[in-house]
Amino acid sequence: MVSLTIAALLFAIPVGSASADPKPSLNDMAKQVEKLHTEIETLTEQYNGQRERLKTAKKASESAQKTLTTSEAEVTAKRAKAVMLAQNAYITGGMGKALAFTGADDPDAFLDQAATTYALEQQQGQELNQLTKAMDAATRARAGAKTRIDEVQKIVTELETKRDKITTLVTKVESNLFKRALGEAGRPGTRAVRVNLPIVGGGKAAQAARWALGQQLKPYVWGAEGPNSFDCSGLVMAAFQRVGISLPHYTGDQWTAGRHISRSELRAGDLVFFYSDLHHVGIYLGGGMMVHAPQTGDVVRIASIERRPFAGAVRIAD
């Protein structure tokens, strides 16, 4: 079912348009990205679930291996004893037993010894039989666990492949979306233009990004936190305060205020930090773009995160 959905998306979502087709709007492109992100989240949770199943299967395999090892050691010891009993039975067995009986000085003592030997043989035989069955069961358990691991590993591999395909497609769509937005906004050093860029997502982080985007063209002022001007960390603080999340007005503290994520995990509303001393921060929008308050003499605007030395990212909220 998931593969069919993915296939449909791969064919349904345009990554480029024919000259005869109308150019999709920014809103249309944002909806495509949002739909794909939903698919990625679904696949990610399926992937996480399969990884848990894989852990369980591995534990079952390890347990079966321990049981098998113990059973094999016990069976080896019991077999050695069984060989000794078999040798004793061979020496005293058959006619030998009868002759030994007729020639015995004390027939009662002989019968006691014979009975004891027989009982030991019976007991040894039962133990050997039980341990052999246990060994067979452990062997089957190990084989079953290995089969299970192979099955789950195959599923995990398939999910990773599916997720990679969708992620690649999202990158293409976001690239088109934000490349156009960047073109409309103007490059650094040029006059900034307000861009009404749709932000994907409905969580607090996306809401904060949406609000920060609404502050475009307000001037950068050192130490300012709104409402009419901002510095970089002041814009971040004000945006998240707007959605009920309190952050300090300092990039160093904002760096430790959430969960650190990789660049490949970036979503709208994540904080992106730059330079080794973390002295600049922006709010990620998607497609390699952020909204930020750049520097004195500039205004709040969108920009590519590629134009500064990237230090890391933090997720404050979903």
C-alpha atoms as a PDB file:
ATOM      1  CA  MET A   1       0.000   0.000   0.000  1.00  0.00           C
ATOM      2  CA  VAL A   2       2.802   2.378   0.951  1.00  0.00           C
ATOM      3  CA  SER A   3       4.722   1.570  -2.219  1.00  0.00           C
ATOM      4  CA  LEU A   4       1.658   2.297  -4.321  1.00  0.00           C
ATOM      5  CA  THR A   5       1.224   5.637  -2.580  1.00  0.00           C
ATOM      6  CA  ILE A   6       4.867   6.478  -3.198  1.00  0.00           C
ATOM      7  CA  ALA A   7       4.627   5.471  -6.832  1.00  0.00           C
ATOM      8  CA  ALA A   8       1.577   7.674  -7.235  1.00  0.00           C
ATOM      9  CA  LEU A   9       3.429  10.600  -5.678  1.00  0.00           C
ATOM     10  CA  LEU A  10       6.477  10.063  -7.839  1.00  0.00           C
ATOM     11  CA  PHE A  11       4.353  10.382 -10.944  1.00  0.00           C
ATOM     12  CA  ALA A  12       1.880  12.937  -9.632  1.00  0.00           C
ATOM     13  CA  ILE A  13       4.255  15.571  -8.204  1.00  0.00           C
ATOM     14  CA  PRO A  14       5.890  17.634 -10.945  1.00  0.00           C
ATOM     15  CA  VAL A  15       9.550  18.514 -10.461  1.00  0.00           C
ATOM     16  CA  GLY A  16       9.554  20.512 -13.644  1.00  0.00           C
ATOM     17  CA  SER A  17       6.797  21.697 -15.893  1.00  0.00           C
ATOM     18  CA  ALA A  18       6.295  21.414 -19.595  1.00  0.00           C
ATOM     19  CA  SER A  19       6.171  24.676 -21.472  1.00  0.00           C
ATOM     20  CA  ALA A  20       2.476  24.200 -22.148  1.00  0.00           C
ATOM     21  CA  ASP A  21       1.581  23.645 -18.474  1.00  0.00           C
ATOM     22  CA  PRO A  22       0.812  26.548 -16.150  1.00  0.00           C
ATOM     23  CA  LYS A  23       3.546  27.321 -13.630  1.00  0.00           C
ATOM     24  CA  PRO A  24       2.512  26.091 -10.136  1.00  0.00           C
ATOM     25  CA  SER A  25       2.079  28.796  -7.519  1.00  0.00           C
ATOM     26  CA  LEU A  26       4.153  28.979  -4.342  1.00  0.00           C
ATOM     27  CA  ASN A  27       1.086  27.816  -2.400  1.00  0.00           C
ATOM     28  CA  ASP A  28       0.654  24.800  -4.684  1.00  0.00           C
ATOM     29  CA  MET A  29       4.302  23.891  -4.324  1.00  0.00           C
ATOM     30  CA  ALA A  30       4.141  24.249  -0.534  1.00  0.00           C
ATOM     31  CA  LYS A  31       1.154  21.874  -0.419  1.00  0.00           C
ATOM     32  CA  GLN A  32       3.124  19.327  -2.424  1.00  0.00           C
ATOM     33  CA  VAL A  33       6.013  19.576   0.039  1.00  0.00           C
ATOM     34  CA  GLU A  34       3.664  19.234   3.020  1.00  0.00           C
ATOM     35  CA  LYS A  35       2.083  16.107   1.557  1.00  0.00           C
ATOM     36  CA  LEU A  36       5.483  14.580   0.994  1.00  0.00           C
ATOM     37  CA  HIS A  37       6.644  15.428   4.515  1.00  0.00           C
ATOM     38  CA  THR A  38       3.578  13.579   5.844  1.00  0.00           C
ATOM     39  CA  GLU A  39       4.600  10.534   3.807  1.00  0.00           C
ATOM     40  CA  ILE A  40       8.126  10.775   5.192  1.00  0.00           C
ATOM     41  CA  GLU A  41       6.861  10.937   8.782  1.00  0.00           C
ATOM     42  CA  THR A  42       4.688   7.862   8.199  1.00  0.00           C
ATOM     43  CA  LEU A  43       7.577   5.933   6.682  1.00  0.00           C
ATOM     44  CA  THR A  44       9.916   7.071   9.446  1.00  0.00           C
ATOM     45  CA  GLU A  45       7.643   5.646  12.144  1.00  0.00           C
ATOM     46  CA  GLN A  46       7.265   2.420  10.183  1.00  0.00           C
ATOM     47  CA  TYR A  47      11.040   2.309   9.940  1.00  0.00           C
ATOM     48  CA  ASN A  48      11.403   2.889  13.702  1.00  0.00           C
ATOM     49  CA  GLY A  49       8.866   0.147  14.402  1.00  0.00           C
ATOM     50  CA  GLN A  50      10.762  -2.292  12.199  1.00  0.00           C
ATOM     51  CA  ARG A  51      14.015  -1.442  13.947  1.00  0.00           C
ATOM     52  CA  GLU A  52      12.404  -2.339  17.279  1.00  0.00           C
ATOM     53  CA  ARG A  53      11.235  -5.631  15.793  1.00  0.00           C
ATOM     54  CA  LEU A  54      14.791  -6.209  14.612  1.00  0.00           C
ATOM     55  CA  LYS A  55      16.151  -5.672  18.142  1.00  0.00           C
ATOM     56  CA  THR A  56      13.636  -8.173  19.531  1.00  0.00           C
ATOM     57  CA  ALA A  57      14.526 -10.737  16.879  1.00  0.00           C
ATOM     58  CA  LYS A  58      18.232 -10.343  17.606  1.00  0.00           C
ATOM     59  CA  LYS A  59      17.650 -10.863  21.330  1.00  0.00           C
ATOM     60  CA  ALA A  60      15.633 -13.994  20.570  1.00  0.00           C
ATOM     61  CA  SER A  61      18.466 -15.278  18.387  1.00  0.00           C
ATOM     62  CA  GLU A  62      21.075 -14.599  21.095  1.00  0.00           C
ATOM     63  CA  SER A  63      18.931 -16.363  23.712  1.00  0.00           C
ATOM     64  CA  ALA A  64      18.461 -19.342  21.416  1.00  0.00           C
ATOM     65  CA  GLN A  65      22.208 -19.499  20.819  1.00  0.00           C
ATOM     66  CA  LYS A  66      22.925 -19.533  24.577  1.00  0.00           C
ATOM     67  CA  THR A  67      20.358 -22.274  25.091  1.00  0.00           C
ATOM     68  CA  LEU A  68      21.864 -24.237  22.234  1.00  0.00           C
ATOM     69  CA  THR A  69      25.413 -23.899  23.601  1.00  0.00           C
ATOM     70  CA  THR A  70      24.325 -25.057  27.072  1.00  0.00           C
ATOM     71  CA  SER A  71      22.359 -27.956  25.656  1.00  0.00           C
ATOM     72  CA  GLU A  72      25.251 -29.086  23.472  1.00  0.00           C
ATOM     73  CA  ALA A  73      27.661 -29.057  26.452  1.00  0.00           C
ATOM     74  CA  GLU A  74      25.250 -31.044  28.607  1.00  0.00           C
ATOM     75  CA  VAL A  75      24.549 -33.524  25.844  1.00  0.00           C
ATOM     76  CA  THR A  76      28.279 -34.030  25.278  1.00  0.00           C
ATOM     77  CA  ALA A  77      28.787 -34.818  28.976  1.00  0.00           C
ATOM     78  CA  LYS A  78      25.781 -37.141  29.097  1.00  0.00           C
ATOM     79  CA  ARG A  79      26.894 -38.907  25.953  1.00  0.00           C
ATOM     80  CA  ALA A  80      30.276 -39.640  27.548  1.00  0.00           C
ATOM     81  CA  LYS A  81      28.510 -41.203  30.523  1.00  0.00           C
ATOM     82  CA  ALA A  82      26.204 -43.099  28.206  1.00  0.00           C
ATOM     83  CA  VAL A  83      29.210 -44.562  26.394  1.00  0.00           C
ATOM     84  CA  MET A  84      30.595 -45.809  29.712  1.00  0.00           C
ATOM     85  CA  LEU A  85      27.260 -47.385  30.569  1.00  0.00           C
ATOM     86  CA  ALA A  86      27.075 -48.963  27.147  1.00  0.00           C
ATOM     87  CA  GLN A  87      30.550 -50.418  27.599  1.00  0.00           C
ATOM     88  CA  ASN A  88      29.544 -51.771  31.010  1.00  0.00           C
ATOM     89  CA  ALA A  89      26.360 -53.257  29.560  1.00  0.00           C
ATOM     90  CA  TYR A  90      28.361 -54.857  26.765  1.00  0.00           C
ATOM     91  CA  ILE A  91      30.795 -56.451  29.231  1.00  0.00           C
ATOM     92  CA  THR A  92      28.085 -57.739  31.584  1.00  0.00           C
ATOM     93  CA  GLY A  93      25.251 -58.082  29.079  1.00  0.00           C
ATOM     94  CA  GLY A  94      23.613 -61.044  27.335  1.00  0.00           C
ATOM     95  CA  MET A  95      24.818 -64.505  28.490  1.00  0.00           C
ATOM     96  CA  GLY A  96      27.501 -62.775  30.508  1.00  0.00           C
ATOM     97  CA  LYS A  97      24.844 -61.681  32.964  1.00  0.00           C
ATOM     98  CA  ALA A  98      23.468 -65.178  33.336  1.00  0.00           C
ATOM     99  CA  LEU A  99      26.896 -66.748  33.801  1.00  0.00           C
ATOM    100  CA  ALA A 100      27.839 -64.091  36.288  1.00  0.00           C
ATOM    101  CA  PHE A 101      24.628 -64.822  38.174  1.00  0.00           C
ATOM    102  CA  THR A 102      25.159 -68.597  38.377  1.00  0.00           C
ATOM    103  CA  GLY A 103      28.766 -68.172  39.474  1.00  0.00           C
ATOM    104  CA  ALA A 104      28.141 -65.474  42.029  1.00  0.00           C
ATOM    105  CA  ASP A 105      28.850 -66.233  45.667  1.00  0.00           C
ATOM    106  CA  ASP A 106      26.034 -63.871  46.658  1.00  0.00           C
ATOM    107  CA  PRO A 107      23.151 -63.905  44.107  1.00  0.00           C
ATOM    108  CA  ASP A 108      21.187 -61.299  46.087  1.00  0.00           C
ATOM    109  CA  ALA A 109      24.093 -58.824  45.949  1.00  0.00           C
ATOM    110  CA  PHE A 110      24.412 -59.398  42.218  1.00  0.00           C
ATOM    111  CA  LEU A 111      20.701 -58.724  41.681  1.00  0.00           C
ATOM    112  CA  ASP A 112      20.973 -55.489  43.652  1.00  0.00           C
ATOM    113  CA  GLN A 113      23.906 -54.365  41.526  1.00  0.00           C
ATOM    114  CA  ALA A 114      22.157 -55.345  38.304  1.00  0.00           C
ATOM    115  CA  ALA A 115      19.019 -53.481  39.319  1.00  0.00           C
ATOM    116  CA  THR A 116      21.047 -50.377  40.136  1.00  0.00           C
ATOM    117  CA  THR A 117      22.879 -50.534  36.828  1.00  0.00           C
ATOM    118  CA  TYR A 118      19.607 -50.951  34.953  1.00  0.00           C
ATOM    119  CA  ALA A 119      18.060 -47.987  36.778  1.00  0.00           C
ATOM    120  CA  LEU A 120      21.064 -45.823  35.951  1.00  0.00           C
ATOM    121  CA  GLU A 121      20.867 -46.856  32.348  1.00  0.00           C
ATOM    122  CA  GLN A 122      17.183 -45.997  32.199  1.00  0.00           C
ATOM    123  CA  GLN A 123      17.746 -42.652  33.896  1.00  0.00           C
ATOM    124  CA  GLN A 124      20.679 -41.843  31.646  1.00  0.00           C
ATOM    125  CA  GLY A 125      18.630 -42.747  28.610  1.00  0.00           C
ATOM    126  CA  GLN A 126      15.796 -40.450  29.669  1.00  0.00           C
ATOM    127  CA  GLU A 127      18.162 -37.554  30.391  1.00  0.00           C
ATOM    128  CA  LEU A 128      19.915 -38.042  27.073  1.00  0.00           C
ATOM    129  CA  ASN A 129      16.583 -38.136  25.268  1.00  0.00           C
ATOM    130  CA  GLN A 130      15.390 -34.963  26.987  1.00  0.00           C
ATOM    131  CA  LEU A 131      18.616 -33.106  26.305  1.00  0.00           C
ATOM    132  CA  THR A 132      18.617 -34.200  22.675  1.00  0.00           C
ATOM    133  CA  LYS A 133      15.101 -32.823  22.319  1.00  0.00           C
ATOM    134  CA  ALA A 134      16.167 -29.599  24.025  1.00  0.00           C
ATOM    135  CA  MET A 135      19.101 -29.286  21.647  1.00  0.00           C
ATOM    136  CA  ASP A 136      16.828 -29.822  18.668  1.00  0.00           C
ATOM    137  CA  ALA A 137      14.420 -27.192  20.007  1.00  0.00           C
ATOM    138  CA  ALA A 138      17.268 -24.717  20.543  1.00  0.00           C
ATOM    139  CA  THR A 139      18.550 -25.357  17.028  1.00  0.00           C
ATOM    140  CA  ARG A 140      15.112 -24.706  15.604  1.00  0.00           C
ATOM    141  CA  ALA A 141      14.795 -21.557  17.727  1.00  0.00           C
ATOM    142  CA  ARG A 142      18.103 -20.251  16.460  1.00  0.00           C
ATOM    143  CA  ALA A 143      17.182 -21.001  12.851  1.00  0.00           C
ATOM    144  CA  GLY A 144      13.782 -19.344  13.339  1.00  0.00           C
ATOM    145  CA  ALA A 145      15.343 -16.258  14.923  1.00  0.00           C
ATOM    146  CA  LYS A 146      17.863 -15.947  12.082  1.00  0.00           C
ATOM    147  CA  THR A 147      15.063 -16.214   9.560  1.00  0.00           C
ATOM    148  CA  ARG A 148      13.193 -13.500  11.441  1.00  0.00           C
ATOM    149  CA  ILE A 149      16.226 -11.215  11.451  1.00  0.00           C
ATOM    150  CA  ASP A 150      16.666 -11.692   7.712  1.00  0.00           C
ATOM    151  CA  GLU A 151      13.006 -10.842   7.135  1.00  0.00           C
ATOM    152  CA  VAL A 152      13.061  -7.721   9.296  1.00  0.00           C
ATOM    153  CA  GLN A 153      16.374  -6.568   7.834  1.00  0.00           C
ATOM    154  CA  LYS A 154      14.835  -6.837   4.385  1.00  0.00           C
ATOM    155  CA  ILE A 155      11.878  -4.700   5.504  1.00  0.00           C
ATOM    156  CA  VAL A 156      14.179  -2.088   7.045  1.00  0.00           C
ATOM    157  CA  THR A 157      16.210  -1.916   3.836  1.00  0.00           C
ATOM    158  CA  GLU A 158      13.037  -1.477   1.802  1.00  0.00           C
ATOM    159  CA  LEU A 159      11.822   1.309   4.080  1.00  0.00           C
ATOM    160  CA  GLU A 160      15.161   3.111   3.874  1.00  0.00           C
ATOM    161  CA  THR A 161      14.989   2.928   0.094  1.00  0.00           C
ATOM    162  CA  LYS A 162      11.445   4.308   0.072  1.00  0.00           C
ATOM    163  CA  ARG A 163      12.341   7.087   2.474  1.00  0.00           C
ATOM    164  CA  ASP A 164      15.382   8.050   0.384  1.00  0.00           C
ATOM    165  CA  LYS A 165      13.212   8.280  -2.728  1.00  0.00           C
ATOM    166  CA  ILE A 166      10.708  10.598  -1.078  1.00  0.00           C
ATOM    167  CA  THR A 167      13.427  12.696   0.559  1.00  0.00           C
ATOM    168  CA  THR A 168      15.055  13.167  -2.829  1.00  0.00           C
ATOM    169  CA  LEU A 169      11.744  14.250  -4.292  1.00  0.00           C
ATOM    170  CA  VAL A 170      11.102  16.685  -1.432  1.00  0.00           C
ATOM    171  CA  THR A 171      14.527  18.207  -2.008  1.00  0.00           C
ATOM    172  CA  LYS A 172      13.659  18.796  -5.646  1.00  0.00           C
ATOM    173  CA  VAL A 173      10.293  20.345  -4.865  1.00  0.00           C
ATOM    174  CA  GLU A 174      11.685  22.495  -2.032  1.00  0.00           C
ATOM    175  CA  SER A 175      14.537  23.575  -4.243  1.00  0.00           C
ATOM    176  CA  ASN A 176      12.099  24.886  -6.831  1.00  0.00           C
ATOM    177  CA  LEU A 177       9.925  26.481  -4.147  1.00  0.00           C
ATOM    178  CA  PHE A 178      12.646  28.328  -2.256  1.00  0.00           C
ATOM    179  CA  LYS A 179      14.807  29.119  -5.256  1.00  0.00           C
ATOM    180  CA  ARG A 180      11.910  31.114  -6.623  1.00  0.00           C
ATOM    181  CA  ALA A 181      11.331  32.751  -3.239  1.00  0.00           C
ATOM    182  CA  LEU A 182      15.003  33.706  -2.959  1.00  0.00           C
ATOM    183  CA  GLY A 183      14.886  35.242  -6.397  1.00  0.00           C
ATOM    184  CA  GLU A 184      11.923  37.340  -5.338  1.00  0.00           C
ATOM    185  CA  ALA A 185      13.527  38.375  -2.023  1.00  0.00           C
ATOM    186  CA  GLY A 186      16.757  39.761  -3.440  1.00  0.00           C
ATOM    187  CA  ARG A 187      20.374  38.813  -2.749  1.00  0.00           C
ATOM    188  CA  PRO A 188      22.465  40.039   0.217  1.00  0.00           C
ATOM    189  CA  GLY A 189      23.669  43.540  -0.417  1.00  0.00           C
ATOM    190  CA  THR A 190      20.633  44.345  -2.550  1.00  0.00           C
ATOM    191  CA  ARG A 191      17.381  45.935  -1.506  1.00  0.00           C
ATOM    192  CA  ALA A 192      15.243  43.356   0.306  1.00  0.00           C
ATOM    193  CA  VAL A 193      11.782  42.546  -0.987  1.00  0.00           C
ATOM    194  CA  ARG A 194       9.044  41.001   1.155  1.00  0.00           C
ATOM    195  CA  VAL A 195       8.204  37.451   0.089  1.00  0.00           C
ATOM    196  CA  ASN A 196       4.920  35.814   1.025  1.00  0.00           C
ATOM    197  CA  LEU A 197       6.370  32.332   1.321  1.00  0.00           C
ATOM    198  CA  PRO A 198       4.089  29.496   2.490  1.00  0.00           C
ATOM    199  CA  ILE A 199       5.538  27.594   5.472  1.00  0.00           C
ATOM    200  CA  VAL A 200       4.910  23.873   5.669  1.00  0.00           C
ATOM    201  CA  GLY A 201       3.516  22.489   8.941  1.00  0.00           C
ATOM    202  CA  GLY A 202       1.072  23.433  11.675  1.00  0.00           C
ATOM    203  CA  GLY A 203       3.125  22.859  14.833  1.00  0.00           C
ATOM    204  CA  LYS A 204       4.560  25.547  17.092  1.00  0.00           C
ATOM    205  CA  ALA A 205       7.892  25.606  15.269  1.00  0.00           C
ATOM    206  CA  ALA A 206       6.223  26.225  11.906  1.00  0.00           C
ATOM    207  CA  GLN A 207       3.985  28.868  13.494  1.00  0.00           C
ATOM    208  CA  ALA A 208       7.059  30.625  14.908  1.00  0.00           C
ATOM    209  CA  ALA A 209       8.718  30.547  11.488  1.00  0.00           C
ATOM    210  CA  ARG A 210       5.561  31.921   9.894  1.00  0.00           C
ATOM    211  CA  TRP A 211       5.459  34.798  12.404  1.00  0.00           C
ATOM    212  CA  ALA A 212       9.168  35.561  11.911  1.00  0.00           C
ATOM    213  CA  LEU A 213       8.607  35.656   8.166  1.00  0.00           C
ATOM    214  CA  GLY A 214       5.949  38.281   8.809  1.00  0.00           C
ATOM    215  CA  GLN A 215       8.636  40.542  10.321  1.00  0.00           C
ATOM    216  CA  GLN A 216      10.444  40.948   6.996  1.00  0.00           C
ATOM    217  CA  LEU A 217      11.885  44.384   6.226  1.00  0.00           C
ATOM    218  CA  LYS A 218      11.996  45.441   9.901  1.00  0.00           C
ATOM    219  CA  PRO A 219      15.470  46.829  10.645  1.00  0.00           C
ATOM    220  CA  TYR A 220      18.283  45.046  12.436  1.00  0.00           C
ATOM    221  CA  VAL A 221      19.102  46.808  15.703  1.00  0.00           C
ATOM    222  CA  TRP A 222      21.667  45.425  18.145  1.00  0.00           C
ATOM    223  CA  GLY A 223      19.964  44.094  21.314  1.00  0.00           C
ATOM    224  CA  ALA A 224      16.442  44.618  19.936  1.00  0.00           C
ATOM    225  CA  GLU A 225      13.719  42.023  20.434  1.00  0.00           C
ATOM    226  CA  GLY A 226      10.796  43.728  18.714  1.00  0.00           C
ATOM    227  CA  PRO A 227       8.234  44.702  17.959  1.00  0.00           C
ATOM    228  CA  ASN A 228       9.706  47.188  15.462  1.00  0.00           C
ATOM    229  CA  SER A 229      13.311  45.983  15.181  1.00  0.00           C
ATOM    230  CA  PHE A 230      15.379  42.894  16.010  1.00  0.00           C
ATOM    231  CA  ASP A 231      18.814  41.416  16.252  1.00  0.00           C
ATOM    232  CA  CYS A 232      19.282  37.756  15.273  1.00  0.00           C
ATOM    233  CA  SER A 233      18.596  36.096  18.637  1.00  0.00           C
ATOM    234  CA  GLY A 234      15.955  38.722  19.442  1.00  0.00           C
ATOM    235  CA  LEU A 235      13.959  37.675  16.376  1.00  0.00           C
ATOM    236  CA  VAL A 236      14.178  34.007  17.439  1.00  0.00           C
ATOM    237  CA  MET A 237      13.141  34.817  20.999  1.00  0.00           C
ATOM    238  CA  ALA A 238      10.188  36.947  19.874  1.00  0.00           C
ATOM    239  CA  ALA A 239       8.988  34.364  17.341  1.00  0.00           C
ATOM    240  CA  PHE A 240       8.859  31.509  19.854  1.00  0.00           C
ATOM    241  CA  GLN A 241       7.461  33.729  22.585  1.00  0.00           C
ATOM    242  CA  ARG A 242       4.570  34.333  20.200  1.00  0.00           C
ATOM    243  CA  VAL A 243       3.735  30.579  20.290  1.00  0.00           C
ATOM    244  CA  GLY A 244       4.133  30.235  24.053  1.00  0.00           C
ATOM    245  CA  ILE A 245       7.773  29.085  24.232  1.00  0.00           C
ATOM    246  CA  SER A 246      10.186  31.125  26.314  1.00  0.00           C
ATOM    247  CA  LEU A 247      13.750  31.377  25.015  1.00  0.00           C
ATOM    248  CA  PRO A 248      16.663  33.506  26.270  1.00  0.00           C
ATOM    249  CA  HIS A 249      17.928  36.431  24.208  1.00  0.00           C
ATOM    250  CA  TYR A 250      21.344  34.886  23.606  1.00  0.00           C
ATOM    251  CA  THR A 251      22.519  32.511  20.878  1.00  0.00           C
ATOM    252  CA  GLY A 252      24.648  30.475  23.299  1.00  0.00           C
ATOM    253  CA  ASP A 253      21.634  29.675  25.477  1.00  0.00           C
ATOM    254  CA  GLN A 254      19.371  29.104  22.479  1.00  0.00           C
ATOM    255  CA  TRP A 255      21.906  26.530  21.275  1.00  0.00           C
ATOM    256  CA  THR A 256      21.220  24.432  24.401  1.00  0.00           C
ATOM    257  CA  ALA A 257      17.462  25.070  24.546  1.00  0.00           C
ATOM    258  CA  GLY A 258      16.367  22.137  22.371  1.00  0.00           C
ATOM    259  CA  ARG A 259      17.386  18.901  20.686  1.00  0.00           C
ATOM    260  CA  HIS A 260      20.333  18.989  18.320  1.00  0.00           C
ATOM    261  CA  ILE A 261      19.534  17.617  14.878  1.00  0.00           C
ATOM    262  CA  SER A 262      21.482  16.896  11.722  1.00  0.00           C
ATOM    263  CA  ARG A 263      21.336  19.103   8.690  1.00  0.00           C
ATOM    264  CA  SER A 264      19.411  16.409   6.819  1.00  0.00           C
ATOM    265  CA  GLU A 265      16.624  16.544   9.460  1.00  0.00           C
ATOM    266  CA  LEU A 266      15.937  20.271   9.165  1.00  0.00           C
ATOM    267  CA  ARG A 267      12.282  21.308   9.160  1.00  0.00           C
ATOM    268  CA  ALA A 268      10.533  24.678   9.166  1.00  0.00           C
ATOM    269  CA  GLY A 269      10.983  26.340  12.561  1.00  0.00           C
ATOM    270  CA  ASP A 270      14.292  24.703  13.486  1.00  0.00           C
ATOM    271  CA  LEU A 271      17.041  27.052  14.625  1.00  0.00           C
ATOM    272  CA  VAL A 272      20.152  27.195  12.454  1.00  0.00           C
ATOM    273  CA  PHE A 273      23.439  28.438  13.928  1.00  0.00           C
ATOM    274  CA  PHE A 274      26.539  29.774  12.221  1.00  0.00           C
ATOM    275  CA  TYR A 275      30.227  30.342  12.973  1.00  0.00           C
ATOM    276  CA  SER A 276      32.303  28.438  15.516  1.00  0.00           C
ATOM    277  CA  ASP A 277      31.281  30.764  18.348  1.00  0.00           C
ATOM    278  CA  LEU A 278      27.565  30.476  17.417  1.00  0.00           C
ATOM    279  CA  HIS A 279      27.218  34.238  17.164  1.00  0.00           C
ATOM    280  CA  HIS A 280      24.493  34.138  14.512  1.00  0.00           C
ATOM    281  CA  VAL A 281      21.164  32.311  14.409  1.00  0.00           C
ATOM    282  CA  GLY A 282      18.235  32.139  12.017  1.00  0.00           C
ATOM    283  CA  ILE A 283      14.932  30.262  11.738  1.00  0.00           C
ATOM    284  CA  TYR A 284      14.877  27.581   9.078  1.00  0.00           C
ATOM    285  CA  LEU A 285      12.109  27.734   6.466  1.00  0.00           C
ATOM    286  CA  GLY A 286      12.901  24.775   4.227  1.00  0.00           C
ATOM    287  CA  GLY A 287      14.782  24.205   1.003  1.00  0.00           C
ATOM    288  CA  GLY A 288      18.048  25.470   2.476  1.00  0.00           C
ATOM    289  CA  MET A 289      16.467  28.842   3.341  1.00  0.00           C
ATOM    290  CA  MET A 290      16.082  30.767   6.600  1.00  0.00           C
ATOM    291  CA  VAL A 291      14.613  34.006   7.865  1.00  0.00           C
ATOM    292  CA  HIS A 292      16.987  36.080   9.984  1.00  0.00           C
ATOM    293  CA  ALA A 293      18.037  39.527  11.103  1.00  0.00           C
ATOM    294  CA  PRO A 294      21.449  39.741   9.382  1.00  0.00           C
ATOM    295  CA  GLN A 295      23.434  42.725  10.614  1.00  0.00           C
ATOM    296  CA  THR A 296      23.470  46.446  11.249  1.00  0.00           C
ATOM    297  CA  GLY A 297      22.200  48.363   8.224  1.00  0.00           C
ATOM    298  CA  ASP A 298      20.145  45.429   6.980  1.00  0.00           C
ATOM    299  CA  VAL A 299      16.605  44.232   7.608  1.00  0.00           C
ATOM    300  CA  VAL A 300      14.883  40.978   8.476  1.00  0.00           C
ATOM    301  CA  ARG A 301      14.883  38.919   5.293  1.00  0.00           C
ATOM    302  CA  ILE A 302      15.111  35.398   3.935  1.00  0.00           C
ATOM    303  CA  ALA A 303      18.482  34.002   2.876  1.00  0.00           C
ATOM    304  CA  SER A 304      20.256  30.776   1.987  1.00  0.00           C
ATOM    305  CA  ILE A 305      21.982  28.962   4.846  1.00  0.00           C
ATOM    306  CA  GLU A 306      24.818  28.185   2.426  1.00  0.00           C
ATOM    307  CA  ARG A 307      26.207  31.721   2.583  1.00  0.00           C
ATOM    308  CA  ARG A 308      27.505  31.398   6.160  1.00  0.00           C
ATOM    309  CA  PRO A 309      29.623  28.734   7.932  1.00  0.00           C
ATOM    310  CA  PHE A 310      27.015  26.330   9.274  1.00  0.00           C
ATOM    311  CA  ALA A 311      27.608  25.265  12.894  1.00  0.00           C
ATOM    312  CA  GLY A 312      24.545  23.153  13.653  1.00  0.00           C
ATOM    313  CA  ALA A 313      20.814  23.074  14.213  1.00  0.00           C
ATOM    314  CA  VAL A 314      18.432  22.795  17.152  1.00  0.00           C
ATOM    315  CA  ARG A 315      14.810  21.721  17.242  1.00  0.00           C
ATOM    316  CA  ILE A 316      12.881  23.712  19.827  1.00  0.00           C
ATOM    317  CA  ALA A 317       9.437  22.286  19.083  1.00  0.00           C
ATOM    318  CA  ASP A 318       7.597  20.123  16.549  1.00  0.00           C
END
